Protein backbone atom coordinates (compact mmCIF):
# COMPACT_ATOMS: atom_id res chain seq x y z
CA MET A 1 -26.06 -60.75 -37.26
CA GLU A 2 -26.79 -60.14 -33.59
CA GLN A 3 -24.44 -60.24 -30.64
CA ALA A 4 -25.35 -60.06 -26.96
CA ALA A 5 -24.60 -56.75 -25.28
CA SER A 6 -21.80 -57.17 -22.77
CA ARG A 7 -20.85 -55.45 -19.54
CA LYS A 8 -17.97 -56.54 -17.38
CA PRO A 9 -18.49 -56.17 -13.62
CA LEU A 10 -16.59 -53.45 -11.81
CA SER A 11 -13.38 -54.57 -10.18
CA PRO A 12 -12.91 -53.15 -6.67
CA THR A 13 -9.13 -53.22 -7.16
CA ALA A 14 -9.16 -51.21 -10.37
CA PHE A 15 -7.85 -47.65 -10.18
CA TRP A 16 -10.83 -46.17 -11.97
CA TYR A 17 -13.26 -47.82 -9.55
CA TRP A 18 -12.02 -45.50 -6.83
CA VAL A 19 -11.60 -42.30 -8.85
CA ARG A 20 -14.80 -42.37 -10.95
CA PRO A 21 -16.84 -40.57 -8.27
CA PHE A 22 -14.49 -37.62 -8.74
CA MET A 23 -14.23 -37.73 -12.53
CA ALA A 24 -16.69 -37.35 -15.39
CA LEU A 25 -16.73 -38.42 -19.01
CA ILE A 26 -17.14 -35.37 -21.23
CA ILE A 27 -18.34 -35.75 -24.84
CA TYR A 28 -18.41 -33.20 -27.65
CA ASP A 29 -21.96 -33.01 -29.01
CA THR A 30 -22.33 -31.74 -32.58
CA LYS A 31 -25.81 -30.36 -31.94
CA SER A 32 -24.88 -28.21 -28.95
CA ARG A 33 -21.43 -27.45 -30.39
CA GLY A 34 -19.85 -28.07 -27.03
CA LYS A 35 -18.63 -30.63 -24.55
CA ARG A 36 -21.20 -32.07 -22.17
CA GLU A 37 -21.01 -34.55 -19.34
CA PHE A 38 -22.13 -37.99 -20.48
CA LEU A 39 -25.32 -38.99 -18.66
CA PRO A 40 -27.05 -42.05 -20.16
CA ARG A 41 -30.83 -42.12 -20.07
CA LYS A 42 -31.09 -45.56 -18.43
CA PRO A 43 -27.80 -46.16 -16.60
CA PRO A 44 -25.87 -48.34 -16.64
CA GLU A 45 -27.19 -49.21 -20.13
CA VAL A 46 -26.17 -47.17 -23.19
CA PHE A 47 -27.95 -47.23 -26.56
CA MET A 48 -25.69 -46.38 -29.49
CA TYR A 49 -26.44 -46.15 -33.22
CA ILE A 50 -23.65 -46.04 -35.81
CA CYS A 51 -24.35 -45.18 -39.44
CA GLY A 52 -22.94 -48.07 -41.44
CA PRO A 53 -21.60 -48.16 -44.99
CA THR A 54 -23.43 -48.16 -48.30
CA VAL A 55 -22.01 -51.42 -49.59
CA TYR A 56 -21.38 -50.79 -53.28
CA ALA A 57 -17.59 -51.04 -53.01
CA PRO A 58 -14.93 -52.40 -50.61
CA ALA A 59 -14.21 -50.52 -47.39
CA HIS A 60 -11.53 -47.84 -47.53
CA LEU A 61 -9.25 -46.29 -44.92
CA GLY A 62 -11.79 -43.55 -44.18
CA HIS A 63 -14.25 -46.24 -43.08
CA ALA A 64 -11.58 -47.73 -40.84
CA ARG A 65 -11.02 -44.43 -39.12
CA SER A 66 -14.71 -44.00 -38.36
CA TYR A 67 -15.39 -47.49 -37.06
CA VAL A 68 -12.17 -47.77 -35.07
CA ALA A 69 -12.94 -44.44 -33.39
CA PHE A 70 -16.46 -45.46 -32.42
CA ASP A 71 -15.25 -48.90 -31.35
CA VAL A 72 -13.07 -47.11 -28.78
CA VAL A 73 -16.09 -45.09 -27.64
CA ARG A 74 -17.94 -48.34 -27.04
CA ARG A 75 -14.94 -49.99 -25.36
CA TYR A 76 -14.40 -47.10 -22.96
CA LEU A 77 -18.06 -46.99 -21.98
CA GLU A 78 -17.93 -50.72 -21.26
CA PHE A 79 -14.68 -50.26 -19.34
CA LEU A 80 -16.52 -47.78 -17.13
CA GLY A 81 -19.12 -50.42 -16.37
CA HIS A 82 -21.84 -49.62 -18.92
CA GLY A 83 -23.69 -52.23 -20.92
CA VAL A 84 -23.61 -50.91 -24.48
CA ARG A 85 -26.09 -51.99 -27.13
CA VAL A 86 -24.65 -51.07 -30.53
CA VAL A 87 -26.68 -51.01 -33.73
CA GLN A 88 -24.77 -50.46 -36.99
CA ASN A 89 -26.74 -50.66 -40.21
CA PHE A 90 -25.88 -51.70 -43.73
CA THR A 91 -27.40 -49.67 -46.56
CA ASP A 92 -27.80 -52.56 -49.00
CA ILE A 93 -30.05 -50.91 -51.58
CA GLU A 94 -29.27 -47.52 -53.10
CA ASP A 95 -28.61 -45.92 -56.51
CA SER A 96 -24.86 -46.53 -56.29
CA ILE A 97 -25.41 -50.22 -55.54
CA ILE A 98 -27.83 -50.63 -58.43
CA ARG A 99 -25.50 -48.77 -60.80
CA THR A 100 -22.35 -50.65 -59.76
CA ALA A 101 -24.11 -54.02 -59.90
CA GLY A 102 -25.26 -53.24 -63.42
CA GLN A 103 -21.72 -52.40 -64.47
CA HIS A 104 -20.56 -55.82 -63.20
CA GLY A 105 -23.54 -57.70 -64.57
CA ILE A 106 -24.67 -59.01 -61.18
CA ARG A 107 -27.72 -58.53 -58.98
CA PRO A 108 -27.63 -55.59 -56.51
CA SER A 109 -28.31 -58.01 -53.66
CA ASP A 110 -25.28 -60.13 -54.62
CA LEU A 111 -23.00 -57.09 -54.77
CA ALA A 112 -24.25 -55.89 -51.38
CA GLU A 113 -23.83 -59.33 -49.80
CA MET A 114 -20.26 -59.65 -51.08
CA ASN A 115 -19.26 -56.23 -49.75
CA MET A 116 -21.00 -56.72 -46.38
CA LYS A 117 -19.11 -59.95 -45.85
CA ALA A 118 -15.82 -58.30 -46.79
CA PHE A 119 -16.55 -55.33 -44.50
CA ILE A 120 -17.08 -57.59 -41.47
CA GLU A 121 -13.87 -59.46 -42.26
CA ASP A 122 -11.90 -56.19 -42.53
CA MET A 123 -13.32 -54.88 -39.25
CA ASP A 124 -12.52 -58.19 -37.53
CA ARG A 125 -8.90 -57.85 -38.63
CA LEU A 126 -8.83 -54.33 -37.17
CA ASN A 127 -10.21 -55.73 -33.90
CA VAL A 128 -13.39 -53.66 -34.20
CA ARG A 129 -15.86 -55.45 -31.97
CA ARG A 130 -18.99 -56.59 -33.71
CA ALA A 131 -22.21 -54.65 -33.24
CA THR A 132 -25.04 -56.08 -31.21
CA VAL A 133 -27.15 -55.96 -34.38
CA TYR A 134 -26.34 -55.29 -38.05
CA PRO A 135 -29.72 -54.38 -39.57
CA ARG A 136 -30.05 -54.21 -43.36
CA VAL A 137 -32.40 -51.85 -45.12
CA THR A 138 -33.89 -54.61 -47.28
CA GLU A 139 -34.82 -56.60 -44.18
CA HIS A 140 -36.66 -53.65 -42.59
CA ILE A 141 -39.01 -52.51 -45.32
CA GLN A 142 -42.02 -53.20 -43.09
CA GLU A 143 -40.68 -50.94 -40.30
CA ILE A 144 -39.72 -48.23 -42.80
CA VAL A 145 -43.16 -48.27 -44.43
CA ALA A 146 -44.79 -48.07 -40.98
CA THR A 147 -42.63 -45.05 -40.13
CA ILE A 148 -43.59 -43.30 -43.36
CA LYS A 149 -47.29 -44.03 -42.77
CA GLY A 150 -46.97 -42.44 -39.34
CA LEU A 151 -45.42 -39.33 -40.85
CA VAL A 152 -48.20 -39.07 -43.42
CA GLU A 153 -50.82 -39.43 -40.69
CA LYS A 154 -49.14 -36.66 -38.67
CA ASP A 155 -49.12 -34.45 -41.78
CA TYR A 156 -45.33 -34.37 -41.80
CA ALA A 157 -45.31 -36.15 -45.16
CA TYR A 158 -47.36 -36.18 -48.35
CA THR A 159 -47.68 -38.30 -51.49
CA ALA A 160 -46.88 -37.13 -54.99
CA ASP A 161 -46.82 -39.23 -58.16
CA GLY A 162 -46.17 -42.53 -56.39
CA SER A 163 -43.49 -41.11 -54.06
CA VAL A 164 -43.69 -39.78 -50.51
CA TYR A 165 -41.89 -36.64 -49.35
CA PHE A 166 -41.14 -35.18 -45.93
CA ARG A 167 -42.71 -31.75 -45.38
CA VAL A 168 -39.65 -29.79 -44.23
CA ALA A 169 -41.60 -26.55 -43.74
CA LYS A 170 -43.43 -28.14 -40.80
CA ALA A 171 -40.25 -29.16 -38.96
CA LYS A 172 -38.98 -26.79 -36.32
CA SER A 173 -35.50 -28.32 -36.09
CA LEU A 174 -34.14 -27.66 -39.60
CA GLY A 175 -30.61 -26.38 -39.06
CA ALA A 176 -30.51 -27.36 -35.37
CA LEU A 177 -27.89 -30.07 -35.95
CA SER A 178 -25.89 -28.70 -38.90
CA HIS A 179 -26.33 -25.08 -37.77
CA HIS A 180 -27.12 -24.09 -41.35
CA ASP A 181 -29.38 -21.10 -41.87
CA PRO A 182 -32.37 -22.66 -43.68
CA LYS A 183 -32.56 -19.59 -45.93
CA SER A 184 -28.98 -20.17 -47.10
CA ILE A 185 -29.39 -23.81 -48.13
CA ILE A 186 -28.83 -24.20 -51.86
CA VAL A 187 -31.40 -26.41 -53.54
CA ASP A 188 -31.92 -27.87 -56.98
CA VAL A 189 -34.11 -25.48 -58.98
CA GLN A 190 -35.66 -28.52 -60.70
CA ALA A 191 -36.61 -30.08 -57.37
CA LYS A 192 -40.33 -29.37 -57.77
CA VAL A 193 -40.45 -31.65 -60.78
CA GLY A 194 -42.27 -34.75 -59.53
CA GLY A 195 -44.67 -32.86 -57.33
CA ARG A 196 -42.65 -31.68 -54.35
CA GLU A 197 -44.22 -28.78 -52.47
CA ASN A 198 -40.85 -27.39 -51.43
CA PRO A 199 -37.42 -27.90 -53.02
CA LEU A 200 -36.09 -28.83 -49.55
CA ASP A 201 -38.55 -31.70 -49.15
CA PHE A 202 -36.78 -35.06 -49.30
CA ALA A 203 -37.99 -38.47 -50.40
CA LEU A 204 -39.16 -40.96 -47.81
CA TRP A 205 -40.41 -43.42 -50.43
CA ARG A 206 -39.31 -43.40 -54.05
CA LYS A 207 -41.53 -44.60 -56.85
CA GLY A 208 -40.20 -47.79 -58.38
CA GLU A 209 -38.46 -47.79 -61.73
CA GLU A 210 -38.66 -50.53 -64.28
CA GLY A 211 -35.92 -53.13 -63.89
CA GLN A 212 -34.88 -51.94 -60.42
CA PRO A 213 -35.54 -53.60 -57.05
CA SER A 214 -38.79 -52.49 -55.46
CA TRP A 215 -41.19 -53.45 -52.67
CA PRO A 216 -44.96 -53.02 -52.27
CA SER A 217 -46.31 -50.15 -50.21
CA PRO A 218 -49.57 -48.20 -49.76
CA TRP A 219 -48.23 -45.74 -52.36
CA GLY A 220 -47.25 -48.32 -54.94
CA ASP A 221 -44.12 -50.32 -55.58
CA GLY A 222 -40.88 -48.55 -54.77
CA ARG A 223 -38.04 -48.36 -52.28
CA PRO A 224 -37.13 -46.26 -49.23
CA GLY A 225 -35.40 -42.91 -49.19
CA TRP A 226 -32.08 -42.81 -47.37
CA HIS A 227 -32.89 -40.65 -44.36
CA VAL A 228 -35.91 -42.54 -43.06
CA GLU A 229 -34.07 -45.87 -43.10
CA CYS A 230 -31.75 -45.19 -40.17
CA PHE A 231 -34.49 -43.79 -37.95
CA ALA A 232 -36.72 -46.82 -38.59
CA MET A 233 -33.93 -49.33 -37.95
CA SER A 234 -32.72 -47.51 -34.84
CA THR A 235 -36.24 -47.42 -33.40
CA LYS A 236 -36.75 -51.10 -34.18
CA HIS A 237 -33.62 -52.25 -32.32
CA LEU A 238 -32.98 -49.52 -29.72
CA GLY A 239 -36.41 -48.15 -28.91
CA PRO A 240 -37.79 -44.60 -29.23
CA VAL A 241 -34.77 -42.76 -27.81
CA ILE A 242 -31.01 -43.30 -28.00
CA ASP A 243 -27.99 -42.01 -26.14
CA ILE A 244 -25.40 -41.69 -28.92
CA HIS A 245 -25.62 -41.39 -32.70
CA CYS A 246 -22.32 -41.72 -34.57
CA GLY A 247 -21.16 -41.07 -38.11
CA GLY A 248 -18.76 -39.19 -40.34
CA ILE A 249 -18.85 -35.39 -40.38
CA ASP A 250 -20.10 -35.53 -43.97
CA LEU A 251 -23.34 -37.12 -42.72
CA VAL A 252 -24.35 -34.14 -40.55
CA PHE A 253 -26.10 -32.56 -43.52
CA PRO A 254 -28.35 -33.63 -45.05
CA HIS A 255 -28.54 -37.17 -43.64
CA HIS A 256 -28.46 -36.65 -39.88
CA GLU A 257 -30.24 -33.32 -40.16
CA SER A 258 -33.08 -35.13 -41.94
CA GLU A 259 -33.09 -37.93 -39.35
CA ALA A 260 -33.42 -35.29 -36.63
CA MET A 261 -36.45 -33.79 -38.37
CA ILE A 262 -38.07 -37.21 -38.75
CA SER A 263 -37.45 -37.97 -35.07
CA GLU A 264 -38.94 -34.62 -34.10
CA ALA A 265 -42.20 -35.69 -35.69
CA PHE A 266 -42.29 -38.89 -33.59
CA VAL A 267 -40.57 -38.31 -30.26
CA GLY A 268 -39.62 -34.63 -30.09
CA ASP A 269 -36.24 -32.94 -30.16
CA ASP A 270 -34.60 -35.26 -27.65
CA TRP A 271 -34.60 -38.51 -29.69
CA CYS A 272 -30.80 -38.56 -29.58
CA ASN A 273 -28.86 -37.16 -26.61
CA TYR A 274 -25.36 -36.95 -28.12
CA TRP A 275 -24.34 -36.66 -31.79
CA LEU A 276 -20.73 -37.74 -32.42
CA HIS A 277 -19.00 -37.17 -35.76
CA ASN A 278 -15.51 -38.11 -36.87
CA ALA A 279 -13.47 -35.97 -39.25
CA PHE A 280 -11.88 -37.04 -42.54
CA ILE A 281 -8.75 -38.72 -43.70
CA MET A 282 -7.48 -36.39 -46.39
CA ILE A 283 -5.55 -37.04 -49.60
CA GLU A 284 -3.96 -33.89 -51.00
CA GLN A 285 -6.37 -31.78 -48.93
CA GLU A 286 -9.50 -33.58 -50.15
CA LYS A 287 -11.50 -36.04 -48.10
CA MET A 288 -10.97 -39.71 -48.84
CA SER A 289 -14.18 -41.14 -50.25
CA LYS A 290 -15.51 -43.68 -52.69
CA SER A 291 -17.57 -41.04 -54.49
CA LEU A 292 -14.47 -38.95 -55.24
CA GLY A 293 -12.49 -42.00 -56.32
CA ASN A 294 -9.46 -41.04 -54.22
CA PHE A 295 -9.74 -43.78 -51.63
CA VAL A 296 -7.21 -46.32 -50.38
CA VAL A 297 -8.72 -49.80 -50.24
CA LEU A 298 -8.55 -50.98 -46.64
CA ARG A 299 -7.91 -54.62 -47.49
CA ASP A 300 -4.79 -53.68 -49.47
CA LEU A 301 -3.41 -51.96 -46.37
CA LEU A 302 -4.37 -54.88 -44.13
CA ASP A 303 -2.45 -57.21 -46.43
CA THR A 304 0.60 -54.91 -46.39
CA TYR A 305 0.88 -53.78 -42.77
CA LYS A 306 0.02 -55.33 -39.43
CA PRO A 307 -3.67 -54.60 -38.73
CA GLU A 308 -2.82 -53.61 -35.15
CA ALA A 309 -0.41 -50.99 -36.47
CA ILE A 310 -3.11 -49.56 -38.73
CA ARG A 311 -5.50 -49.37 -35.78
CA LEU A 312 -2.96 -47.69 -33.50
CA CYS A 313 -1.93 -45.27 -36.24
CA LEU A 314 -5.57 -44.19 -36.66
CA LEU A 315 -5.82 -43.58 -32.91
CA LYS A 316 -2.85 -41.22 -32.84
CA GLU A 317 -5.09 -38.31 -33.81
CA HIS A 318 -8.31 -37.16 -32.16
CA TYR A 319 -11.36 -38.47 -33.97
CA ARG A 320 -12.65 -34.93 -34.63
CA LYS A 321 -9.45 -33.81 -36.38
CA ASN A 322 -8.84 -34.10 -40.13
CA VAL A 323 -5.72 -36.15 -40.87
CA GLU A 324 -3.62 -36.24 -44.04
CA TYR A 325 -3.00 -39.75 -45.32
CA ASP A 326 0.54 -40.89 -44.49
CA LYS A 327 1.38 -44.50 -45.27
CA ASP A 328 4.71 -44.12 -43.46
CA CYS A 329 2.72 -43.89 -40.23
CA PHE A 330 1.91 -47.60 -40.51
CA ARG A 331 5.55 -48.59 -40.86
CA ARG A 332 6.65 -46.38 -37.95
CA THR A 333 3.81 -47.68 -35.81
CA GLU A 334 4.82 -51.29 -36.49
CA GLU A 335 8.23 -50.44 -35.01
CA GLU A 336 6.59 -48.72 -32.01
CA LEU A 337 4.42 -51.76 -31.39
CA GLU A 338 7.42 -54.06 -31.35
CA ARG A 339 9.05 -51.85 -28.74
CA THR A 340 5.81 -51.92 -26.75
CA TYR A 341 5.69 -55.71 -26.84
CA GLU A 342 9.30 -55.81 -25.66
CA ALA A 343 8.30 -53.72 -22.63
CA MET A 344 5.37 -56.05 -21.98
CA ARG A 345 7.64 -59.13 -22.14
CA LYS A 346 10.07 -57.44 -19.78
CA ALA A 347 7.27 -56.89 -17.25
CA LYS A 348 5.96 -60.45 -17.49
CA GLU A 349 9.46 -61.92 -17.03
CA ALA A 350 10.39 -59.57 -14.16
CA ASN A 351 12.03 -61.20 -11.12
CA GLY A 352 14.46 -58.59 -9.77
CA GLU A 353 14.85 -56.87 -6.44
CA GLY A 354 12.58 -53.96 -7.30
CA ASN A 355 12.79 -50.16 -7.47
CA GLY A 356 11.24 -49.00 -4.22
CA GLY A 357 8.12 -46.94 -4.92
CA LYS A 358 9.27 -45.74 -8.35
CA ILE A 359 7.15 -48.15 -10.40
CA ASP A 360 4.07 -47.66 -8.24
CA THR A 361 4.34 -43.90 -8.81
CA LEU A 362 4.86 -44.42 -12.55
CA VAL A 363 1.84 -46.69 -12.91
CA ARG A 364 -0.44 -44.41 -10.88
CA SER A 365 0.67 -41.36 -12.86
CA THR A 366 0.16 -43.18 -16.15
CA ARG A 367 -3.33 -44.33 -15.16
CA THR A 368 -4.35 -40.84 -14.09
CA ARG A 369 -3.10 -39.21 -17.30
CA PHE A 370 -4.48 -41.95 -19.57
CA PHE A 371 -7.99 -41.85 -18.12
CA LYS A 372 -7.96 -38.05 -17.97
CA ALA A 373 -7.33 -38.07 -21.73
CA MET A 374 -10.09 -40.62 -22.38
CA ASP A 375 -12.53 -38.67 -20.19
CA ASP A 376 -11.93 -35.62 -22.38
CA ASP A 377 -14.05 -36.61 -25.38
CA PHE A 378 -12.18 -39.89 -25.97
CA ASP A 379 -8.89 -38.11 -26.67
CA THR A 380 -6.92 -41.06 -28.02
CA SER A 381 -4.21 -38.73 -29.30
CA ASN A 382 -3.14 -37.84 -25.76
CA ALA A 383 -3.92 -41.34 -24.49
CA VAL A 384 -1.54 -42.89 -27.05
CA HIS A 385 1.10 -40.31 -26.14
CA VAL A 386 0.79 -41.34 -22.49
CA LEU A 387 1.20 -44.99 -23.56
CA GLN A 388 4.32 -44.18 -25.55
CA GLN A 389 5.89 -42.39 -22.57
CA PHE A 390 5.01 -45.35 -20.35
CA VAL A 391 6.74 -47.76 -22.73
CA GLU A 392 9.91 -45.67 -22.78
CA ALA A 393 9.91 -45.40 -19.01
CA ILE A 394 9.71 -49.20 -18.67
CA HIS A 395 12.68 -49.63 -20.98
CA GLU A 396 14.73 -47.30 -18.79
CA VAL A 397 14.08 -49.23 -15.57
CA GLU A 398 16.18 -52.22 -14.48
CA HIS A 399 15.67 -54.98 -11.91
CA LEU A 400 11.88 -55.03 -11.97
CA SER A 401 10.36 -57.18 -9.25
CA ALA A 402 7.62 -59.69 -9.97
CA GLU A 403 5.07 -57.47 -8.22
CA GLU A 404 6.18 -54.43 -10.22
CA GLY A 405 5.89 -56.51 -13.37
CA LYS A 406 2.31 -57.45 -12.47
CA ALA A 407 1.39 -53.78 -11.93
CA ILE A 408 2.89 -52.83 -15.29
CA THR A 409 1.14 -55.73 -17.02
CA ALA A 410 -2.20 -54.70 -15.50
CA MET A 411 -1.68 -51.21 -16.91
CA PHE A 412 -1.06 -52.58 -20.39
CA GLU A 413 -4.14 -54.79 -20.09
CA ASP A 414 -6.35 -51.83 -19.20
CA VAL A 415 -4.95 -49.78 -22.08
CA GLY A 416 -5.49 -52.74 -24.38
CA ARG A 417 -9.11 -53.13 -23.31
CA VAL A 418 -9.85 -49.46 -23.94
CA LEU A 419 -7.91 -48.99 -27.20
CA GLY A 420 -8.43 -52.49 -28.57
CA LEU A 421 -4.74 -53.33 -28.66
CA PHE A 422 -2.44 -56.12 -27.47
CA GLY A 423 -4.83 -58.92 -28.35
CA CYS A 424 -7.65 -57.61 -26.15
CA ARG A 425 -10.91 -58.48 -27.86
């Protein structure tokens, strides 16, 4: 599944074309715990890796929040003139997939294929633009094995009883991303069973078990460990360094922390320039997740409410803020969308005498406030609020001229391109 990276040419009439020299996109970076100006390594291109789902069950609303949020990140970067190459993986072999497939009496590969197909369909309905590449773990065993061999050769990994483990004690960056004190990390007291040197050492290659999927390797038949997979797939499709790595906040430790240690062994501390993490959707103050069994199946919501309303509802809060699940938000947002479309129809049908400079001032003010919000770490909460105020202002104005209508329509089109609304693909 590979799509060509796209980049629309800058329009000399667009508002942001003129103001960009005086504005900067600021992104919150988990590693530095602060906001930093976004400076891609090879402008205007941007290389972006998004941790995809482990496909043992259908997508839930928490997945939707993550992938809608990072879709907006991609859209805004492209709106600013960047060409964005997006890689989003599928973890299609893992304990949970093997276990769930066994419970249903089907092959793990069949379960994974079914859920990957359903995931793409759900994201399409939410207007999440497809990634440039969707790599699967099972299709990248060769690259993963090569990565592990490199780690062994560099003495960052060692073999034990048919498995391979990463030597955490040699890594300098443990705790650099999660900001955990390595001495305070709680480990399994039984972790040394199986030959690990250190309880913190994690598996890069797991010895195969009878009746489970496995692949040949220099260390015997087995399958990859979770953390090495993403680094190997990212390197394969994006090269040795990336600009942005995205995922849920629950992936910071141990998954992304472990990726950072692996990358340190190959390319140093600067493998990834910006780490972006979205917060949770909560149900009764607990995160929504498949593992906790408290999730809301996304497809059920898509069949109940308008997908565009679900998308807009998710964008009403900043991606780094935890949000309590509220199904009434979807109903209210459907009503707001209808009012928005009424304002858009009013602008397209405008043929009055006009309002002097009032509409020009309104549009300019709306553009300034909207892009100021987006430049502040993709603050869709404020951006949506600006959109709502714009809609109400349009409803209050009478006798729009055709030219005023065109200016208003152009504003809606730009908002739609950035937020993925109003039919803008």
